[in-house]
Amino acid sequence: MNDQSTFKRTTCACPECTKCCKRQPGSLAAGDFERIARHLQLPPEEAKKYFWASPGALVRDSSTGRVHRIGSVTPQLKRGRCVFLSDQDKCTIHAVAPFGCAMFDCHMSPAVAHPRSIALARSQLEPEYQALRDSLPYARSYRPNRY
């Protein structure tokens, strides 16, 4: 399940936020892939050519303290940018952008971003999501943010 309705969509497309589209596009939540495929008017098998399996995020289980990785699905990078980012730095699927794009921006406080990150990670634990991830090629380029 995708929690996009729980959060207010971000609208920033400043150069700082657009850099994320070039470094590492936002990851999909459960349900995003199907919605994007419908928007592109492509059958799911054909839409898969735009996505890959990303290593995902390191998360800490607050009850056990254990750290583990939740693999994710992201748009592929082509020519050093998200496959859906135009040469004019505009998102060509903005109306149906993945949760990791639509619900975050570079100016967001940690207090606003944290519950969104938790919702995204929980969504990515869904068996159907991980099955989709398992059916995609593994990312050839991955450049996580450095904090």
Foldseek 3Di string as FASTA:
>chain_A
DAPPVVADWDDDQDPQQLVCQLAPAFFAFPPLLVVVCVVVVHDSVVSLVQKAKEQADWDADPVPRDIDGQITMGGAHDPRGGPQQDPVRDGNSQVSGGLRSTRDGPVDDCVSVVVSVVSRSVRSVDPVRVVSNVVGHHHPDHHDDDD
